[in-house]
């Protein structure tokens, strides 16, 4: 039975949405404040960080056979807080461009994984890699659209 690859269409849809938001946003829009001390550009880079994590984990898995370990919910908050000053230091336009580039790279990579990897990933359950990048990305794009009024 072929693997469920429905995540690819969802990733494509949210990546197109990301690209459109970045294209129509001015530098001032990208610098606009968001809740918890973030900016629009910072939130875009935050999503890109978690996408980039998938690239690294898949590289380890496919290249060295190192399967992902569980992501602890308790680690997410301090990880986000730790990286926030670094992400906010990036000029807003550059941050937005990097976010789009990482989304493109991530989505292309997860679209190419083998059926065997998808099956093993499903066996790992919560310890596996979330190949559907659309969920996290879309959550933040909704927040951004509310802030920008789009």
N, C-alpha and C. Protein backbone atom coordinates (compact mmCIF):
# COMPACT_ATOMS: atom_id res chain seq x y z
N UNK A 1 0.85 -1.18 0.00
CA UNK A 1 0.00 0.00 0.00
C UNK A 1 0.89 1.24 0.00
N UNK A 2 0.65 2.16 -0.93
CA UNK A 2 1.47 3.38 -0.97
C UNK A 2 1.27 4.23 0.28
N UNK A 3 2.32 4.96 0.61
CA UNK A 3 2.28 5.83 1.79
C UNK A 3 1.33 7.01 1.57
N UNK A 4 0.78 7.50 2.67
CA UNK A 4 -0.08 8.68 2.62
C UNK A 4 0.80 9.91 2.44
N UNK A 5 0.67 10.54 1.31
CA UNK A 5 1.45 11.74 1.01
C UNK A 5 0.57 12.99 0.92
N UNK A 6 -0.57 12.93 1.56
CA UNK A 6 -1.49 14.07 1.52
C UNK A 6 -0.88 15.32 2.16
N UNK A 7 0.12 15.12 2.99
CA UNK A 7 0.79 16.27 3.62
C UNK A 7 1.46 17.17 2.59
N UNK A 8 1.82 16.63 1.44
CA UNK A 8 2.52 17.42 0.42
C UNK A 8 1.64 18.56 -0.08
N UNK A 9 0.39 18.27 -0.40
CA UNK A 9 -0.53 19.32 -0.88
C UNK A 9 -0.77 20.38 0.19
N UNK A 10 -0.89 19.94 1.45
CA UNK A 10 -1.09 20.91 2.53
C UNK A 10 0.15 21.79 2.70
N UNK A 11 1.33 21.18 2.63
CA UNK A 11 2.57 21.96 2.72
C UNK A 11 2.65 22.97 1.58
N UNK A 12 2.33 22.52 0.38
CA UNK A 12 2.37 23.42 -0.78
C UNK A 12 1.44 24.61 -0.60
N UNK A 13 0.25 24.34 -0.09
CA UNK A 13 -0.75 25.40 0.10
C UNK A 13 -0.24 26.44 1.11
N UNK A 14 0.28 25.99 2.23
CA UNK A 14 0.74 26.93 3.25
C UNK A 14 2.03 27.65 2.83
N UNK A 15 2.87 26.96 2.06
CA UNK A 15 4.07 27.63 1.55
C UNK A 15 3.69 28.72 0.55
N UNK A 16 2.70 28.47 -0.28
CA UNK A 16 2.22 29.50 -1.21
C UNK A 16 1.64 30.68 -0.44
N UNK A 17 0.93 30.38 0.62
CA UNK A 17 0.38 31.45 1.48
C UNK A 17 1.51 32.26 2.10
N UNK A 18 2.53 31.60 2.61
CA UNK A 18 3.70 32.28 3.17
C UNK A 18 4.35 33.19 2.13
N UNK A 19 4.57 32.65 0.96
CA UNK A 19 5.21 33.41 -0.12
C UNK A 19 4.39 34.65 -0.48
N UNK A 20 3.08 34.50 -0.52
CA UNK A 20 2.20 35.63 -0.86
C UNK A 20 2.24 36.70 0.24
N UNK A 21 2.23 36.28 1.49
CA UNK A 21 2.30 37.24 2.59
C UNK A 21 3.60 38.03 2.52
N UNK A 22 4.69 37.33 2.30
CA UNK A 22 6.00 38.00 2.22
C UNK A 22 6.03 38.96 1.04
N UNK A 23 5.51 38.55 -0.10
CA UNK A 23 5.53 39.38 -1.31
C UNK A 23 4.73 40.67 -1.15
N UNK A 24 3.62 40.59 -0.44
CA UNK A 24 2.78 41.79 -0.32
C UNK A 24 3.10 42.64 0.91
N UNK A 25 3.98 42.16 1.78
CA UNK A 25 4.30 42.89 3.01
C UNK A 25 5.42 43.88 2.79
N UNK A 26 5.23 45.06 3.31
CA UNK A 26 6.29 46.06 3.28
C UNK A 26 7.30 45.74 4.39
N UNK A 27 8.43 46.41 4.37
CA UNK A 27 9.40 46.22 5.44
C UNK A 27 8.79 46.63 6.79
N UNK A 28 7.96 47.67 6.78
CA UNK A 28 7.27 48.09 8.00
C UNK A 28 6.32 47.01 8.50
N UNK A 29 5.61 46.35 7.58
CA UNK A 29 4.72 45.24 7.96
C UNK A 29 5.52 44.13 8.63
N UNK A 30 6.66 43.80 8.05
CA UNK A 30 7.47 42.70 8.57
C UNK A 30 8.05 43.03 9.94
N UNK A 31 8.23 44.32 10.22
CA UNK A 31 8.76 44.75 11.52
C UNK A 31 7.65 44.97 12.55
N UNK A 32 6.41 44.82 12.16
CA UNK A 32 5.29 45.07 13.07
C UNK A 32 5.33 44.13 14.27
N UNK A 33 5.05 44.68 15.45
CA UNK A 33 5.06 43.85 16.67
C UNK A 33 3.96 42.78 16.67
N UNK A 34 4.29 41.68 17.30
CA UNK A 34 3.37 40.57 17.51
C UNK A 34 3.36 40.28 19.01
N UNK A 35 2.44 39.44 19.47
CA UNK A 35 2.39 39.10 20.89
C UNK A 35 3.71 38.50 21.39
N UNK A 36 3.92 38.64 22.69
CA UNK A 36 5.06 38.04 23.41
C UNK A 36 6.41 38.60 22.97
N UNK A 37 6.41 39.82 22.42
CA UNK A 37 7.67 40.45 22.06
C UNK A 37 8.23 40.04 20.71
N UNK A 38 7.46 39.33 19.92
CA UNK A 38 7.89 38.93 18.59
C UNK A 38 7.55 40.03 17.59
N UNK A 39 8.05 39.89 16.38
CA UNK A 39 7.64 40.70 15.24
C UNK A 39 7.14 39.74 14.16
N UNK A 40 6.51 40.28 13.13
CA UNK A 40 6.07 39.44 12.02
C UNK A 40 7.26 38.67 11.46
N UNK A 41 8.36 39.36 11.18
CA UNK A 41 9.54 38.70 10.63
C UNK A 41 10.11 37.67 11.60
N UNK A 42 10.11 37.98 12.88
CA UNK A 42 10.59 37.04 13.88
C UNK A 42 9.76 35.77 13.92
N UNK A 43 8.45 35.91 13.79
CA UNK A 43 7.57 34.74 13.78
C UNK A 43 7.82 33.91 12.51
N UNK A 44 8.06 34.58 11.39
CA UNK A 44 8.38 33.84 10.16
C UNK A 44 9.66 33.03 10.34
N UNK A 45 10.67 33.64 10.96
CA UNK A 45 11.93 32.92 11.20
C UNK A 45 11.75 31.83 12.24
N UNK A 46 10.90 32.05 13.21
CA UNK A 46 10.59 31.01 14.20
C UNK A 46 10.07 29.76 13.48
N UNK A 47 9.11 29.94 12.59
CA UNK A 47 8.58 28.81 11.83
C UNK A 47 9.67 28.18 10.98
N UNK A 48 10.54 29.03 10.41
CA UNK A 48 11.64 28.53 9.60
C UNK A 48 12.62 27.71 10.43
N UNK A 49 12.87 28.12 11.67
CA UNK A 49 13.74 27.35 12.55
C UNK A 49 13.22 25.92 12.70
N UNK A 50 11.93 25.79 12.98
CA UNK A 50 11.36 24.46 13.18
C UNK A 50 11.31 23.66 11.88
N UNK A 51 11.15 24.34 10.74
CA UNK A 51 11.28 23.66 9.45
C UNK A 51 12.72 23.18 9.25
N UNK A 52 13.67 24.05 9.55
CA UNK A 52 15.09 23.70 9.38
C UNK A 52 15.47 22.51 10.25
N UNK A 53 14.87 22.43 11.42
CA UNK A 53 15.09 21.29 12.31
C UNK A 53 14.74 19.98 11.60
N UNK A 54 13.66 19.99 10.83
CA UNK A 54 13.24 18.80 10.09
C UNK A 54 14.30 18.44 9.04
N UNK A 55 14.85 19.45 8.38
CA UNK A 55 15.91 19.19 7.39
C UNK A 55 17.09 18.49 8.05
N UNK A 56 17.50 18.99 9.20
CA UNK A 56 18.65 18.41 9.91
C UNK A 56 18.33 16.99 10.37
N UNK A 57 17.16 16.81 10.97
CA UNK A 57 16.80 15.47 11.46
C UNK A 57 16.69 14.46 10.33
N UNK A 58 16.08 14.87 9.22
CA UNK A 58 15.99 13.94 8.07
C UNK A 58 17.37 13.65 7.51
N UNK A 59 18.24 14.64 7.51
CA UNK A 59 19.61 14.40 7.04
C UNK A 59 20.32 13.37 7.89
N UNK A 60 20.16 13.45 9.19
CA UNK A 60 20.77 12.47 10.09
C UNK A 60 20.17 11.09 9.88
N UNK A 61 18.87 11.05 9.72
CA UNK A 61 18.17 9.79 9.56
C UNK A 61 18.54 9.12 8.23
N UNK A 62 18.44 9.89 7.14
CA UNK A 62 18.70 9.33 5.83
C UNK A 62 20.19 9.10 5.58
N UNK A 63 21.03 9.97 6.14
CA UNK A 63 22.46 9.87 5.88
C UNK A 63 23.21 8.97 6.83
N UNK A 64 22.78 8.92 8.10
CA UNK A 64 23.53 8.16 9.09
C UNK A 64 22.68 7.12 9.82
N UNK A 65 21.42 7.03 9.47
CA UNK A 65 20.55 6.05 10.10
C UNK A 65 20.15 6.40 11.52
N UNK A 66 20.33 7.67 11.92
CA UNK A 66 19.98 8.10 13.27
C UNK A 66 18.52 8.54 13.27
N UNK A 67 17.66 7.71 13.88
CA UNK A 67 16.24 8.05 13.93
C UNK A 67 16.02 9.20 14.92
N UNK A 68 14.96 9.97 14.67
CA UNK A 68 14.68 11.10 15.58
C UNK A 68 14.31 10.60 16.97
N UNK A 69 14.61 11.42 17.94
CA UNK A 69 14.18 11.10 19.30
C UNK A 69 12.98 11.99 19.63
N UNK A 70 12.24 11.64 20.65
CA UNK A 70 11.04 12.43 20.96
C UNK A 70 11.38 13.89 21.24
N UNK A 71 10.53 14.75 20.72
CA UNK A 71 10.61 16.18 21.03
C UNK A 71 9.82 16.37 22.31
N UNK A 72 10.47 16.82 23.35
CA UNK A 72 9.80 17.01 24.63
C UNK A 72 9.06 18.34 24.63
N UNK A 73 7.79 18.29 24.96
CA UNK A 73 6.97 19.51 24.98
C UNK A 73 7.59 20.56 25.89
N UNK A 74 8.21 20.13 26.98
CA UNK A 74 8.83 21.08 27.92
C UNK A 74 10.01 21.81 27.29
N UNK A 75 10.61 21.24 26.26
CA UNK A 75 11.77 21.87 25.61
C UNK A 75 11.38 22.93 24.60
N UNK A 76 10.17 22.89 24.09
CA UNK A 76 9.75 23.80 23.04
C UNK A 76 9.76 25.25 23.53
N UNK A 77 9.22 25.48 24.70
CA UNK A 77 9.14 26.85 25.23
C UNK A 77 10.50 27.49 25.43
N UNK A 78 11.40 26.77 26.10
CA UNK A 78 12.71 27.37 26.35
C UNK A 78 13.52 27.47 25.06
N UNK A 79 13.29 26.56 24.11
CA UNK A 79 13.97 26.66 22.81
C UNK A 79 13.52 27.93 22.10
N UNK A 80 12.21 28.16 22.06
CA UNK A 80 11.69 29.38 21.42
C UNK A 80 12.21 30.63 22.11
N UNK A 81 12.21 30.63 23.43
CA UNK A 81 12.69 31.80 24.18
C UNK A 81 14.18 32.02 23.95
N UNK A 82 14.94 30.94 23.84
CA UNK A 82 16.39 31.06 23.64
C UNK A 82 16.74 31.65 22.29
N UNK A 83 15.99 31.26 21.27
CA UNK A 83 16.34 31.73 19.93
C UNK A 83 15.72 33.08 19.58
N UNK A 84 14.74 33.53 20.35
CA UNK A 84 14.02 34.76 20.01
C UNK A 84 14.94 35.95 19.77
N UNK A 85 15.90 36.27 20.67
CA UNK A 85 16.75 37.45 20.41
C UNK A 85 17.56 37.32 19.12
N UNK A 86 17.97 36.11 18.80
CA UNK A 86 18.74 35.90 17.57
C UNK A 86 17.87 36.12 16.34
N UNK A 87 16.66 35.59 16.38
CA UNK A 87 15.76 35.74 15.24
C UNK A 87 15.33 37.18 15.04
N UNK A 88 15.12 37.89 16.14
CA UNK A 88 14.70 39.29 16.04
C UNK A 88 15.83 40.21 15.59
N UNK A 89 17.06 39.74 15.66
CA UNK A 89 18.21 40.55 15.25
C UNK A 89 18.39 40.57 13.72
N UNK A 90 17.72 39.67 13.03
CA UNK A 90 17.84 39.59 11.57
C UNK A 90 16.97 40.69 10.95
N UNK A 91 17.51 41.44 9.99
CA UNK A 91 16.68 42.46 9.33
C UNK A 91 15.39 41.84 8.79
N UNK A 92 14.26 42.52 8.98
CA UNK A 92 12.96 41.92 8.64
C UNK A 92 12.85 41.36 7.21
N UNK A 93 13.29 42.10 6.21
CA UNK A 93 13.16 41.60 4.83
C UNK A 93 13.99 40.34 4.65
N UNK A 94 15.21 40.35 5.16
CA UNK A 94 16.08 39.17 5.06
C UNK A 94 15.44 37.99 5.78
N UNK A 95 14.87 38.23 6.96
CA UNK A 95 14.21 37.16 7.72
C UNK A 95 13.09 36.54 6.89
N UNK A 96 12.29 37.37 6.24
CA UNK A 96 11.18 36.87 5.43
C UNK A 96 11.69 36.05 4.25
N UNK A 97 12.73 36.53 3.60
CA UNK A 97 13.31 35.80 2.46
C UNK A 97 13.87 34.44 2.90
N UNK A 98 14.55 34.43 4.03
CA UNK A 98 15.10 33.18 4.56
C UNK A 98 13.97 32.21 4.91
N UNK A 99 12.90 32.72 5.51
CA UNK A 99 11.77 31.87 5.87
C UNK A 99 11.17 31.20 4.64
N UNK A 100 11.03 31.94 3.56
CA UNK A 100 10.49 31.35 2.32
C UNK A 100 11.46 30.31 1.77
N UNK A 101 12.73 30.62 1.74
CA UNK A 101 13.73 29.68 1.21
C UNK A 101 13.76 28.38 2.02
N UNK A 102 13.70 28.50 3.33
CA UNK A 102 13.73 27.29 4.17
C UNK A 102 12.44 26.49 3.99
N UNK A 103 11.31 27.16 3.86
CA UNK A 103 10.05 26.45 3.61
C UNK A 103 10.13 25.67 2.30
N UNK A 104 10.69 26.31 1.27
CA UNK A 104 10.83 25.63 -0.02
C UNK A 104 11.73 24.40 0.11
N UNK A 105 12.87 24.56 0.78
CA UNK A 105 13.80 23.45 0.95
C UNK A 105 13.18 22.32 1.77
N UNK A 106 12.51 22.67 2.85
CA UNK A 106 11.89 21.66 3.71
C UNK A 106 10.81 20.89 2.97
N UNK A 107 9.94 21.63 2.30
CA UNK A 107 8.84 20.96 1.62
C UNK A 107 9.33 20.05 0.50
N UNK A 108 10.36 20.48 -0.21
CA UNK A 108 10.92 19.63 -1.26
C UNK A 108 11.51 18.36 -0.66
N UNK A 109 12.18 18.49 0.45
CA UNK A 109 12.80 17.34 1.09
C UNK A 109 11.75 16.35 1.60
N UNK A 110 10.75 16.84 2.33
CA UNK A 110 9.76 15.91 2.88
C UNK A 110 8.89 15.30 1.79
N UNK A 111 8.79 15.96 0.64
CA UNK A 111 8.03 15.39 -0.47
C UNK A 111 8.77 14.20 -1.10
N UNK A 112 10.09 14.16 -0.93
CA UNK A 112 10.90 13.10 -1.57
C UNK A 112 11.19 11.91 -0.67
N UNK A 113 10.76 11.92 0.58
CA UNK A 113 11.10 10.79 1.45
C UNK A 113 10.47 9.51 0.91
N UNK A 114 11.10 8.41 1.21
CA UNK A 114 10.63 7.12 0.71
C UNK A 114 9.39 6.66 1.46
N UNK A 115 8.67 5.76 0.82
CA UNK A 115 7.52 5.14 1.48
C UNK A 115 7.96 4.42 2.75
N UNK A 116 9.14 3.82 2.71
CA UNK A 116 9.66 3.09 3.87
C UNK A 116 9.90 4.04 5.04
N UNK A 117 10.45 5.21 4.75
CA UNK A 117 10.68 6.17 5.81
C UNK A 117 9.35 6.67 6.37
N UNK A 118 8.39 6.92 5.51
CA UNK A 118 7.08 7.36 5.98
C UNK A 118 6.46 6.31 6.89
N UNK A 119 6.57 5.04 6.50
CA UNK A 119 6.02 3.96 7.32
C UNK A 119 6.73 3.88 8.67
N UNK A 120 8.05 3.94 8.66
CA UNK A 120 8.81 3.88 9.92
C UNK A 120 8.50 5.10 10.78
N UNK A 121 8.38 6.25 10.15
CA UNK A 121 8.05 7.47 10.87
C UNK A 121 6.70 7.33 11.57
N UNK A 122 5.74 6.73 10.90
CA UNK A 122 4.42 6.51 11.49
C UNK A 122 4.52 5.56 12.68
N UNK A 123 5.37 4.54 12.57
CA UNK A 123 5.58 3.62 13.69
C UNK A 123 6.16 4.33 14.91
N UNK A 124 6.98 5.35 14.67
CA UNK A 124 7.59 6.09 15.78
C UNK A 124 6.59 6.98 16.51
N UNK A 125 5.46 7.26 15.87
CA UNK A 125 4.42 8.07 16.51
C UNK A 125 4.94 9.45 16.87
N UNK A 126 4.73 9.86 18.11
CA UNK A 126 5.14 11.19 18.56
C UNK A 126 6.65 11.38 18.53
N UNK A 127 7.39 10.30 18.46
CA UNK A 127 8.85 10.41 18.38
C UNK A 127 9.32 10.70 16.96
N UNK A 128 8.45 10.55 16.01
CA UNK A 128 8.82 10.75 14.61
C UNK A 128 8.89 12.22 14.22
N UNK A 129 9.10 12.42 12.96
CA UNK A 129 9.21 13.75 12.37
C UNK A 129 7.86 14.16 11.81
N UNK A 130 7.46 15.39 12.05
CA UNK A 130 6.20 15.89 11.50
C UNK A 130 6.45 16.35 10.06
N UNK A 131 6.10 15.49 9.12
CA UNK A 131 6.30 15.80 7.71
C UNK A 131 5.32 16.86 7.21
N UNK A 132 4.23 17.04 7.93
CA UNK A 132 3.26 18.07 7.58
C UNK A 132 3.71 19.39 8.20
N UNK A 133 4.43 20.17 7.42
CA UNK A 133 4.91 21.47 7.90
C UNK A 133 3.80 22.50 7.88
N UNK A 134 2.71 22.17 7.20
CA UNK A 134 1.59 23.09 7.03
C UNK A 134 0.93 23.45 8.36
N UNK A 135 0.89 22.52 9.29
CA UNK A 135 0.19 22.77 10.55
C UNK A 135 0.82 23.93 11.32
N UNK A 136 2.09 23.82 11.60
CA UNK A 136 2.79 24.86 12.37
C UNK A 136 2.87 26.15 11.57
N UNK A 137 3.21 26.03 10.32
CA UNK A 137 3.33 27.21 9.46
C UNK A 137 2.00 27.95 9.38
N UNK A 138 0.93 27.20 9.14
CA UNK A 138 -0.39 27.81 9.00
C UNK A 138 -0.86 28.50 10.26
N UNK A 139 -0.56 27.91 11.41
CA UNK A 139 -0.93 28.52 12.69
C UNK A 139 -0.33 29.93 12.80
N UNK A 140 0.94 30.05 12.45
CA UNK A 140 1.60 31.35 12.55
C UNK A 140 1.18 32.31 11.44
N UNK A 141 0.89 31.79 10.27
CA UNK A 141 0.42 32.66 9.19
C UNK A 141 -0.94 33.27 9.54
N UNK A 142 -1.79 32.51 10.22
CA UNK A 142 -3.07 33.07 10.67
C UNK A 142 -2.84 34.22 11.64
N UNK A 143 -1.91 34.05 12.58
CA UNK A 143 -1.59 35.12 13.53
C UNK A 143 -1.07 36.36 12.81
N UNK A 144 -0.21 36.13 11.84
CA UNK A 144 0.36 37.24 11.07
C UNK A 144 -0.72 37.95 10.28
N UNK A 145 -1.59 37.22 9.63
CA UNK A 145 -2.66 37.86 8.87
C UNK A 145 -3.58 38.68 9.76
N UNK A 146 -3.82 38.23 10.97
CA UNK A 146 -4.63 39.02 11.91
C UNK A 146 -3.92 40.33 12.25
N UNK A 147 -2.64 40.26 12.53
CA UNK A 147 -1.87 41.45 12.89
C UNK A 147 -1.80 42.43 11.71
N UNK A 148 -1.62 41.90 10.51
CA UNK A 148 -1.51 42.75 9.33
C UNK A 148 -2.88 43.17 8.78
N UNK A 149 -3.94 42.55 9.27
CA UNK A 149 -5.28 42.89 8.78
C UNK A 149 -5.53 42.42 7.36
N UNK A 150 -4.92 41.29 6.99
CA UNK A 150 -5.11 40.78 5.63
C UNK A 150 -5.95 39.51 5.62
